[in-house]
Amino acid sequence: MSSTPESEAFYEKLKSQLLDTAVWPSIYLYKFIITTDASKVEQIEKVFDNMGAVITTKKSKNAKYTSVSIKVMMKDPDAVVVKYKEVGDMVPGVMSL
């Protein structure tokens, strides 16, 4: 995923909001939606390896999509953004919520 001016603006706004609404370090909840594919879930899990993350998955009613929720301690908003970008680069078609 190449960075576009729109995505960079989104991440800057996210960092600003996180600075205003949380005390860091803090537990952060990531949510991703992917087409149901075990390898995509594994790729997302790999990004959060060895971080003590609690990862839960849930398939949609027709099992076409899978939501992946990840609760993990993050040191600051910059670290949060880095993980979003890593997942976006590693997993084609992922939607971040």
PDB file of N, CA and C in Angstrom:
ATOM      1  N   MET A   1       0.850  -1.166   0.000  1.00  0.00           N
ATOM      2  CA  MET A   1       0.000   0.000   0.000  1.00  0.00           C
ATOM      3  C   MET A   1       0.893   1.225   0.000  1.00  0.00           C
ATOM      4  N   SER A   2       0.869   1.955  -1.052  1.00  0.00           N
ATOM      5  CA  SER A   2       1.679   3.164  -1.086  1.00  0.00           C
ATOM      6  C   SER A   2       0.922   4.276  -0.369  1.00  0.00           C
ATOM      7  N   SER A   3       1.660   5.119   0.308  1.00  0.00           N
ATOM      8  CA  SER A   3       1.041   6.222   1.030  1.00  0.00           C
ATOM      9  C   SER A   3       0.587   7.283   0.054  1.00  0.00           C
ATOM     10  N   THR A   4      -0.639   7.698   0.216  1.00  0.00           N
ATOM     11  CA  THR A   4      -1.182   8.781  -0.582  1.00  0.00           C
ATOM     12  C   THR A   4      -1.342   9.989   0.332  1.00  0.00           C
ATOM     13  N   PRO A   5      -1.464  11.162  -0.233  1.00  0.00           N
ATOM     14  CA  PRO A   5      -1.699  12.326   0.641  1.00  0.00           C
ATOM     15  C   PRO A   5      -2.939  12.156   1.513  1.00  0.00           C
ATOM     16  N   GLU A   6      -3.982  11.491   0.969  1.00  0.00           N
ATOM     17  CA  GLU A   6      -5.200  11.265   1.749  1.00  0.00           C
ATOM     18  C   GLU A   6      -4.941  10.341   2.934  1.00  0.00           C
ATOM     19  N   SER A   7      -4.173   9.265   2.704  1.00  0.00           N
ATOM     20  CA  SER A   7      -3.915   8.340   3.805  1.00  0.00           C
ATOM     21  C   SER A   7      -3.025   8.984   4.857  1.00  0.00           C
ATOM     22  N   GLU A   8      -2.047   9.779   4.423  1.00  0.00           N
ATOM     23  CA  GLU A   8      -1.183  10.463   5.390  1.00  0.00           C
ATOM     24  C   GLU A   8      -1.991  11.468   6.214  1.00  0.00           C
ATOM     25  N   ALA A   9      -2.923  12.165   5.587  1.00  0.00           N
ATOM     26  CA  ALA A   9      -3.783  13.101   6.310  1.00  0.00           C
ATOM     27  C   ALA A   9      -4.643  12.356   7.319  1.00  0.00           C
ATOM     28  N   PHE A  10      -5.158  11.184   6.915  1.00  0.00           N
ATOM     29  CA  PHE A  10      -5.950  10.357   7.826  1.00  0.00           C
ATOM     30  C   PHE A  10      -5.126   9.958   9.045  1.00  0.00           C
ATOM     31  N   TYR A  11      -3.898   9.500   8.819  1.00  0.00           N
ATOM     32  CA  TYR A  11      -3.054   9.061   9.931  1.00  0.00           C
ATOM     33  C   TYR A  11      -2.661  10.222  10.845  1.00  0.00           C
ATOM     34  N   GLU A  12      -2.430  11.392  10.280  1.00  0.00           N
ATOM     35  CA  GLU A  12      -2.113  12.564  11.104  1.00  0.00           C
ATOM     36  C   GLU A  12      -3.304  12.928  11.991  1.00  0.00           C
ATOM     37  N   LYS A  13      -4.504  12.862  11.418  1.00  0.00           N
ATOM     38  CA  LYS A  13      -5.714  13.160  12.195  1.00  0.00           C
ATOM     39  C   LYS A  13      -5.904  12.107  13.293  1.00  0.00           C
ATOM     40  N   LEU A  14      -5.676  10.849  12.962  1.00  0.00           N
ATOM     41  CA  LEU A  14      -5.798   9.784  13.946  1.00  0.00           C
ATOM     42  C   LEU A  14      -4.820  10.003  15.097  1.00  0.00           C
ATOM     43  N   LYS A  15      -3.564  10.316  14.780  1.00  0.00           N
ATOM     44  CA  LYS A  15      -2.562  10.558  15.827  1.00  0.00           C
ATOM     45  C   LYS A  15      -2.994  11.695  16.743  1.00  0.00           C
ATOM     46  N   SER A  16      -3.504  12.754  16.159  1.00  0.00           N
ATOM     47  CA  SER A  16      -3.958  13.895  16.943  1.00  0.00           C
ATOM     48  C   SER A  16      -5.101  13.508  17.875  1.00  0.00           C
ATOM     49  N   GLN A  17      -6.065  12.752  17.351  1.00  0.00           N
ATOM     50  CA  GLN A  17      -7.203  12.320  18.172  1.00  0.00           C
ATOM     51  C   GLN A  17      -6.738  11.400  19.299  1.00  0.00           C
ATOM     52  N   LEU A  18      -5.805  10.503  19.001  1.00  0.00           N
ATOM     53  CA  LEU A  18      -5.310   9.586  20.028  1.00  0.00           C
ATOM     54  C   LEU A  18      -4.566  10.346  21.124  1.00  0.00           C
ATOM     55  N   LEU A  19      -3.818  11.358  20.755  1.00  0.00           N
ATOM     56  CA  LEU A  19      -3.121  12.174  21.757  1.00  0.00           C
ATOM     57  C   LEU A  19      -4.110  12.891  22.672  1.00  0.00           C
ATOM     58  N   ASP A  20      -5.241  13.312  22.103  1.00  0.00           N
ATOM     59  CA  ASP A  20      -6.240  14.053  22.869  1.00  0.00           C
ATOM     60  C   ASP A  20      -7.128  13.171  23.736  1.00  0.00           C
ATOM     61  N   THR A  21      -7.256  11.893  23.402  1.00  0.00           N
ATOM     62  CA  THR A  21      -8.263  11.065  24.077  1.00  0.00           C
ATOM     63  C   THR A  21      -7.712   9.945  24.943  1.00  0.00           C
ATOM     64  N   ALA A  22      -6.399   9.765  24.998  1.00  0.00           N
ATOM     65  CA  ALA A  22      -5.849   8.656  25.783  1.00  0.00           C
ATOM     66  C   ALA A  22      -4.563   9.082  26.475  1.00  0.00           C
ATOM     67  N   VAL A  23      -4.253   8.365  27.543  1.00  0.00           N
ATOM     68  CA  VAL A  23      -2.983   8.537  28.242  1.00  0.00           C
ATOM     69  C   VAL A  23      -2.085   7.403  27.777  1.00  0.00           C
ATOM     70  N   TRP A  24      -0.883   7.719  27.340  1.00  0.00           N
ATOM     71  CA  TRP A  24       0.012   6.729  26.759  1.00  0.00           C
ATOM     72  C   TRP A  24       1.131   6.380  27.709  1.00  0.00           C
ATOM     73  N   PRO A  25       1.563   5.109  27.740  1.00  0.00           N
ATOM     74  CA  PRO A  25       1.092   3.961  26.945  1.00  0.00           C
ATOM     75  C   PRO A  25      -0.328   3.561  27.341  1.00  0.00           C
ATOM     76  N   SER A  26      -1.013   2.921  26.394  1.00  0.00           N
ATOM     77  CA  SER A  26      -2.411   2.560  26.577  1.00  0.00           C
ATOM     78  C   SER A  26      -2.752   1.302  25.785  1.00  0.00           C
ATOM     79  N   ILE A  27      -3.792   0.611  26.244  1.00  0.00           N
ATOM     80  CA  ILE A  27      -4.296  -0.526  25.468  1.00  0.00           C
ATOM     81  C   ILE A  27      -5.112   0.038  24.312  1.00  0.00           C
ATOM     82  N   TYR A  28      -4.810  -0.441  23.106  1.00  0.00           N
ATOM     83  CA  TYR A  28      -5.498   0.033  21.909  1.00  0.00           C
ATOM     84  C   TYR A  28      -6.210  -1.138  21.253  1.00  0.00           C
ATOM     85  N   LEU A  29      -7.398  -0.892  20.745  1.00  0.00           N
ATOM     86  CA  LEU A  29      -8.183  -1.924  20.063  1.00  0.00           C
ATOM     87  C   LEU A  29      -8.161  -1.660  18.566  1.00  0.00           C
ATOM     88  N   TYR A  30      -7.512  -2.569  17.841  1.00  0.00           N
ATOM     89  CA  TYR A  30      -7.513  -2.536  16.375  1.00  0.00           C
ATOM     90  C   TYR A  30      -8.662  -3.398  15.886  1.00  0.00           C
ATOM     91  N   LYS A  31      -9.308  -2.984  14.796  1.00  0.00           N
ATOM     92  CA  LYS A  31     -10.337  -3.806  14.159  1.00  0.00           C
ATOM     93  C   LYS A  31     -10.082  -3.798  12.660  1.00  0.00           C
ATOM     94  N   PHE A  32     -10.063  -4.998  12.104  1.00  0.00           N
ATOM     95  CA  PHE A  32      -9.849  -5.162  10.671  1.00  0.00           C
ATOM     96  C   PHE A  32     -10.925  -6.073  10.117  1.00  0.00           C
ATOM     97  N   ILE A  33     -11.294  -5.857   8.857  1.00  0.00           N
ATOM     98  CA  ILE A  33     -12.221  -6.737   8.136  1.00  0.00           C
ATOM     99  C   ILE A  33     -11.467  -7.252   6.905  1.00  0.00           C
ATOM    100  N   ILE A  34     -11.529  -8.564   6.712  1.00  0.00           N
ATOM    101  CA  ILE A  34     -10.882  -9.182   5.548  1.00  0.00           C
ATOM    102  C   ILE A  34     -11.831 -10.207   4.950  1.00  0.00           C
ATOM    103  N   THR A  35     -11.601 -10.560   3.685  1.00  0.00           N
ATOM    104  CA  THR A  35     -12.336 -11.692   3.134  1.00  0.00           C
ATOM    105  C   THR A  35     -11.836 -12.923   3.885  1.00  0.00           C
ATOM    106  N   THR A  36     -12.720 -13.856   4.139  1.00  0.00           N
ATOM    107  CA  THR A  36     -12.353 -15.017   4.941  1.00  0.00           C
ATOM    108  C   THR A  36     -11.271 -15.816   4.231  1.00  0.00           C
ATOM    109  N   ASP A  37     -10.106 -15.838   4.863  1.00  0.00           N
ATOM    110  CA  ASP A  37      -8.931 -16.517   4.327  1.00  0.00           C
ATOM    111  C   ASP A  37      -7.960 -16.684   5.491  1.00  0.00           C
ATOM    112  N   ALA A  38      -7.707 -17.920   5.854  1.00  0.00           N
ATOM    113  CA  ALA A  38      -6.848 -18.197   7.015  1.00  0.00           C
ATOM    114  C   ALA A  38      -5.465 -17.569   6.871  1.00  0.00           C
ATOM    115  N   SER A  39      -4.939 -17.516   5.665  1.00  0.00           N
ATOM    116  CA  SER A  39      -3.599 -16.953   5.486  1.00  0.00           C
ATOM    117  C   SER A  39      -3.592 -15.448   5.774  1.00  0.00           C
ATOM    118  N   LYS A  40      -4.698 -14.751   5.467  1.00  0.00           N
ATOM    119  CA  LYS A  40      -4.774 -13.320   5.766  1.00  0.00           C
ATOM    120  C   LYS A  40      -4.828 -13.092   7.277  1.00  0.00           C
ATOM    121  N   VAL A  41      -5.562 -13.938   7.987  1.00  0.00           N
ATOM    122  CA  VAL A  41      -5.616 -13.835   9.448  1.00  0.00           C
ATOM    123  C   VAL A  41      -4.217 -14.053  10.016  1.00  0.00           C
ATOM    124  N   GLU A  42      -3.517 -15.050   9.508  1.00  0.00           N
ATOM    125  CA  GLU A  42      -2.152 -15.333   9.980  1.00  0.00           C
ATOM    126  C   GLU A  42      -1.224 -14.153   9.720  1.00  0.00           C
ATOM    127  N   GLN A  43      -1.368 -13.501   8.566  1.00  0.00           N
ATOM    128  CA  GLN A  43      -0.525 -12.350   8.255  1.00  0.00           C
ATOM    129  C   GLN A  43      -0.766 -11.216   9.254  1.00  0.00           C
ATOM    130  N   ILE A  44      -2.033 -10.966   9.587  1.00  0.00           N
ATOM    131  CA  ILE A  44      -2.342  -9.931  10.573  1.00  0.00           C
ATOM    132  C   ILE A  44      -1.767 -10.315  11.929  1.00  0.00           C
ATOM    133  N   GLU A  45      -1.947 -11.580  12.332  1.00  0.00           N
ATOM    134  CA  GLU A  45      -1.422 -12.031  13.617  1.00  0.00           C
ATOM    135  C   GLU A  45       0.096 -11.861  13.675  1.00  0.00           C
ATOM    136  N   LYS A  46       0.769 -12.103  12.571  1.00  0.00           N
ATOM    137  CA  LYS A  46       2.227 -11.992  12.525  1.00  0.00           C
ATOM    138  C   LYS A  46       2.697 -10.569  12.835  1.00  0.00           C
ATOM    139  N   VAL A  47       1.931  -9.566  12.397  1.00  0.00           N
ATOM    140  CA  VAL A  47       2.291  -8.171  12.658  1.00  0.00           C
ATOM    141  C   VAL A  47       2.316  -7.888  14.164  1.00  0.00           C
ATOM    142  N   PHE A  48       1.489  -8.608  14.921  1.00  0.00           N
ATOM    143  CA  PHE A  48       1.375  -8.366  16.363  1.00  0.00           C
ATOM    144  C   PHE A  48       2.057  -9.451  17.200  1.00  0.00           C
ATOM    145  N   ASP A  49       2.892 -10.293  16.570  1.00  0.00           N
ATOM    146  CA  ASP A  49       3.623 -11.344  17.274  1.00  0.00           C
ATOM    147  C   ASP A  49       4.473 -10.777  18.404  1.00  0.00           C
ATOM    148  N   ASN A  50       4.533 -11.510  19.489  1.00  0.00           N
ATOM    149  CA  ASN A  50       5.400 -11.182  20.632  1.00  0.00           C
ATOM    150  C   ASN A  50       5.103  -9.825  21.258  1.00  0.00           C
ATOM    151  N   MET A  51       3.861  -9.382  21.164  1.00  0.00           N
ATOM    152  CA  MET A  51       3.473  -8.111  21.775  1.00  0.00           C
ATOM    153  C   MET A  51       2.468  -8.307  22.902  1.00  0.00           C
ATOM    154  N   GLY A  52       2.100  -9.555  23.177  1.00  0.00           N
ATOM    155  CA  GLY A  52       1.108  -9.828  24.209  1.00  0.00           C
ATOM    156  C   GLY A  52      -0.303  -9.461  23.776  1.00  0.00           C
ATOM    157  N   ALA A  53      -0.545  -9.437  22.482  1.00  0.00           N
ATOM    158  CA  ALA A  53      -1.850  -9.050  21.942  1.00  0.00           C
ATOM    159  C   ALA A  53      -2.894 -10.138  22.175  1.00  0.00           C
ATOM    160  N   VAL A  54      -4.119  -9.697  22.455  1.00  0.00           N
ATOM    161  CA  VAL A  54      -5.266 -10.597  22.543  1.00  0.00           C
ATOM    162  C   VAL A  54      -6.019 -10.446  21.231  1.00  0.00           C
ATOM    163  N   ILE A  55      -6.053 -11.534  20.452  1.00  0.00           N
ATOM    164  CA  ILE A  55      -6.629 -11.491  19.102  1.00  0.00           C
ATOM    165  C   ILE A  55      -7.867 -12.366  19.047  1.00  0.00           C
ATOM    166  N   THR A  56      -8.971 -11.784  18.573  1.00  0.00           N
ATOM    167  CA  THR A  56     -10.199 -12.551  18.393  1.00  0.00           C
ATOM    168  C   THR A  56     -10.672 -12.377  16.952  1.00  0.00           C
ATOM    169  N   THR A  57     -11.281 -13.430  16.425  1.00  0.00           N
ATOM    170  CA  THR A  57     -11.821 -13.372  15.066  1.00  0.00           C
ATOM    171  C   THR A  57     -13.283 -13.794  15.090  1.00  0.00           C
ATOM    172  N   LYS A  58     -14.029 -13.265  14.154  1.00  0.00           N
ATOM    173  CA  LYS A  58     -15.445 -13.627  14.028  1.00  0.00           C
ATOM    174  C   LYS A  58     -15.825 -13.551  12.564  1.00  0.00           C
ATOM    175  N   LYS A  59     -16.423 -14.629  12.080  1.00  0.00           N
ATOM    176  CA  LYS A  59     -16.865 -14.671  10.686  1.00  0.00           C
ATOM    177  C   LYS A  59     -18.243 -14.028  10.561  1.00  0.00           C
ATOM    178  N   SER A  60     -18.478 -13.440   9.391  1.00  0.00           N
ATOM    179  CA  SER A  60     -19.785 -12.856   9.115  1.00  0.00           C
ATOM    180  C   SER A  60     -20.827 -13.962   8.992  1.00  0.00           C
ATOM    181  N   LYS A  61     -22.074 -13.566   8.946  1.00  0.00           N
ATOM    182  CA  LYS A  61     -23.185 -14.517   8.896  1.00  0.00           C
ATOM    183  C   LYS A  61     -23.016 -15.539   7.773  1.00  0.00           C
ATOM    184  N   ASN A  62     -22.605 -15.084   6.592  1.00  0.00           N
ATOM    185  CA  ASN A  62     -22.443 -16.005   5.467  1.00  0.00           C
ATOM    186  C   ASN A  62     -21.000 -16.484   5.308  1.00  0.00           C
ATOM    187  N   ALA A  63     -20.129 -16.121   6.263  1.00  0.00           N
ATOM    188  CA  ALA A  63     -18.717 -16.553   6.310  1.00  0.00           C
ATOM    189  C   ALA A  63     -17.879 -15.997   5.160  1.00  0.00           C
ATOM    190  N   LYS A  64     -18.371 -14.972   4.478  1.00  0.00           N
ATOM    191  CA  LYS A  64     -17.604 -14.377   3.400  1.00  0.00           C
ATOM    192  C   LYS A  64     -16.499 -13.468   3.941  1.00  0.00           C
ATOM    193  N   TYR A  65     -16.761 -12.829   5.084  1.00  0.00           N
ATOM    194  CA  TYR A  65     -15.796 -11.916   5.700  1.00  0.00           C
ATOM    195  C   TYR A  65     -15.469 -12.359   7.119  1.00  0.00           C
ATOM    196  N   THR A  66     -14.303 -11.937   7.579  1.00  0.00           N
ATOM    197  CA  THR A  66     -13.884 -12.201   8.948  1.00  0.00           C
ATOM    198  C   THR A  66     -13.435 -10.891   9.569  1.00  0.00           C
ATOM    199  N   SER A  67     -13.924 -10.637  10.792  1.00  0.00           N
ATOM    200  CA  SER A  67     -13.425  -9.470  11.515  1.00  0.00           C
ATOM    201  C   SER A  67     -12.334  -9.953  12.468  1.00  0.00           C
ATOM    202  N   VAL A  68     -11.286  -9.164  12.561  1.00  0.00           N
ATOM    203  CA  VAL A  68     -10.161  -9.476  13.438  1.00  0.00           C
ATOM    204  C   VAL A  68     -10.025  -8.310  14.408  1.00  0.00           C
ATOM    205  N   SER A  69     -10.182  -8.588  15.704  1.00  0.00           N
ATOM    206  CA  SER A  69     -10.027  -7.573  16.745  1.00  0.00           C
ATOM    207  C   SER A  69      -8.764  -7.880  17.525  1.00  0.00           C
ATOM    208  N   ILE A  70      -7.980  -6.845  17.789  1.00  0.00           N
ATOM    209  CA  ILE A  70      -6.696  -7.028  18.465  1.00  0.00           C
ATOM    210  C   ILE A  70      -6.584  -5.986  19.564  1.00  0.00           C
ATOM    211  N   LYS A  71      -6.454  -6.457  20.814  1.00  0.00           N
ATOM    212  CA  LYS A  71      -6.209  -5.569  21.945  1.00  0.00           C
ATOM    213  C   LYS A  71      -4.749  -5.726  22.322  1.00  0.00           C
ATOM    214  N   VAL A  72      -4.042  -4.591  22.347  1.00  0.00           N
ATOM    215  CA  VAL A  72      -2.613  -4.657  22.612  1.00  0.00           C
ATOM    216  C   VAL A  72      -2.150  -3.352  23.258  1.00  0.00           C
ATOM    217  N   MET A  73      -1.164  -3.449  24.139  1.00  0.00           N
ATOM    218  CA  MET A  73      -0.580  -2.270  24.761  1.00  0.00           C
ATOM    219  C   MET A  73       0.336  -1.581  23.750  1.00  0.00           C
ATOM    220  N   MET A  74       0.071  -0.305  23.509  1.00  0.00           N
ATOM    221  CA  MET A  74       0.883   0.475  22.573  1.00  0.00           C
ATOM    222  C   MET A  74       1.504   1.641  23.324  1.00  0.00           C
ATOM    223  N   LYS A  75       2.748   2.008  22.934  1.00  0.00           N
ATOM    224  CA  LYS A  75       3.461   3.043  23.689  1.00  0.00           C
ATOM    225  C   LYS A  75       3.018   4.461  23.359  1.00  0.00           C
ATOM    226  N   ASP A  76       2.565   4.693  22.115  1.00  0.00           N
ATOM    227  CA  ASP A  76       2.135   6.040  21.736  1.00  0.00           C
ATOM    228  C   ASP A  76       1.376   5.987  20.407  1.00  0.00           C
ATOM    229  N   PRO A  77       0.744   7.099  20.008  1.00  0.00           N
ATOM    230  CA  PRO A  77      -0.013   7.113  18.759  1.00  0.00           C
ATOM    231  C   PRO A  77       0.834   6.794  17.523  1.00  0.00           C
ATOM    232  N   ASP A  78       2.114   7.173  17.529  1.00  0.00           N
ATOM    233  CA  ASP A  78       2.963   6.834  16.385  1.00  0.00           C
ATOM    234  C   ASP A  78       3.069   5.327  16.209  1.00  0.00           C
ATOM    235  N   ALA A  79       3.192   4.599  17.316  1.00  0.00           N
ATOM    236  CA  ALA A  79       3.278   3.138  17.254  1.00  0.00           C
ATOM    237  C   ALA A  79       1.972   2.537  16.725  1.00  0.00           C
ATOM    238  N   VAL A  80       0.847   3.139  17.087  1.00  0.00           N
ATOM    239  CA  VAL A  80      -0.456   2.679  16.593  1.00  0.00           C
ATOM    240  C   VAL A  80      -0.500   2.804  15.066  1.00  0.00           C
ATOM    241  N   VAL A  81      -0.090   3.946  14.558  1.00  0.00           N
ATOM    242  CA  VAL A  81      -0.116   4.195  13.114  1.00  0.00           C
ATOM    243  C   VAL A  81       0.830   3.245  12.381  1.00  0.00           C
ATOM    244  N   VAL A  82       2.003   2.992  12.945  1.00  0.00           N
ATOM    245  CA  VAL A  82       2.964   2.080  12.320  1.00  0.00           C
ATOM    246  C   VAL A  82       2.331   0.709  12.106  1.00  0.00           C
ATOM    247  N   LYS A  83       1.608   0.213  13.100  1.00  0.00           N
ATOM    248  CA  LYS A  83       0.973  -1.111  12.969  1.00  0.00           C
ATOM    249  C   LYS A  83      -0.127  -1.099  11.908  1.00  0.00           C
ATOM    250  N   TYR A  84      -0.924  -0.028  11.855  1.00  0.00           N
ATOM    251  CA  TYR A  84      -1.935   0.062  10.798  1.00  0.00           C
ATOM    252  C   TYR A  84      -1.272  -0.019   9.424  1.00  0.00           C
ATOM    253  N   LYS A  85      -0.167   0.702   9.248  1.00  0.00           N
ATOM    254  CA  LYS A  85       0.524   0.704   7.960  1.00  0.00           C
ATOM    255  C   LYS A  85       1.126  -0.667   7.653  1.00  0.00           C
ATOM    256  N   GLU A  86       1.678  -1.341   8.668  1.00  0.00           N
ATOM    257  CA  GLU A  86       2.245  -2.679   8.451  1.00  0.00           C
ATOM    258  C   GLU A  86       1.165  -3.647   7.974  1.00  0.00           C
ATOM    259  N   VAL A  87       0.017  -3.619   8.623  1.00  0.00           N
ATOM    260  CA  VAL A  87      -1.075  -4.519   8.220  1.00  0.00           C
ATOM    261  C   VAL A  87      -1.521  -4.178   6.802  1.00  0.00           C
ATOM    262  N   GLY A  88      -1.670  -2.896   6.494  1.00  0.00           N
ATOM    263  CA  GLY A  88      -2.080  -2.477   5.152  1.00  0.00           C
ATOM    264  C   GLY A  88      -1.099  -2.917   4.081  1.00  0.00           C
ATOM    265  N   ASP A  89       0.194  -2.902   4.411  1.00  0.00           N
ATOM    266  CA  ASP A  89       1.218  -3.320   3.455  1.00  0.00           C
ATOM    267  C   ASP A  89       1.252  -4.837   3.277  1.00  0.00           C
ATOM    268  N   MET A  90       0.971  -5.577   4.349  1.00  0.00           N
ATOM    269  CA  MET A  90       1.098  -7.042   4.304  1.00  0.00           C
ATOM    270  C   MET A  90      -0.134  -7.771   3.799  1.00  0.00           C
ATOM    271  N   VAL A  91      -1.307  -7.184   4.032  1.00  0.00           N
ATOM    272  CA  VAL A  91      -2.556  -7.899   3.756  1.00  0.00           C
ATOM    273  C   VAL A  91      -3.358  -7.160   2.694  1.00  0.00           C
ATOM    274  N   PRO A  92      -3.342  -7.666   1.460  1.00  0.00           N
ATOM    275  CA  PRO A  92      -4.115  -6.999   0.402  1.00  0.00           C
ATOM    276  C   PRO A  92      -5.612  -7.031   0.693  1.00  0.00           C
ATOM    277  N   GLY A  93      -6.260  -5.905   0.462  1.00  0.00           N
ATOM    278  CA  GLY A  93      -7.715  -5.847   0.615  1.00  0.00           C
ATOM    279  C   GLY A  93      -8.221  -5.696   2.043  1.00  0.00           C
ATOM    280  N   VAL A  94      -7.332  -5.490   3.008  1.00  0.00           N
ATOM    281  CA  VAL A  94      -7.783  -5.343   4.398  1.00  0.00           C
ATOM    282  C   VAL A  94      -8.470  -3.989   4.575  1.00  0.00           C
ATOM    283  N   MET A  95      -9.521  -3.992   5.377  1.00  0.00           N
ATOM    284  CA  MET A  95     -10.207  -2.753   5.738  1.00  0.00           C
ATOM    285  C   MET A  95      -9.943  -2.488   7.216  1.00  0.00           C
ATOM    286  N   SER A  96      -9.467  -1.307   7.524  1.00  0.00           N
ATOM    287  CA  SER A  96      -9.209  -0.924   8.912  1.00  0.00           C
ATOM    288  C   SER A  96     -10.389  -0.123   9.438  1.00  0.00           C
ATOM    289  N   LEU A  97     -10.822  -0.451  10.641  1.00  0.00           N
ATOM    290  CA  LEU A  97     -11.938   0.297  11.258  1.00  0.00           C
ATOM    291  C   LEU A  97     -11.420   1.100  12.430  1.00  0.00           C
TER     292      LEU A  97
END
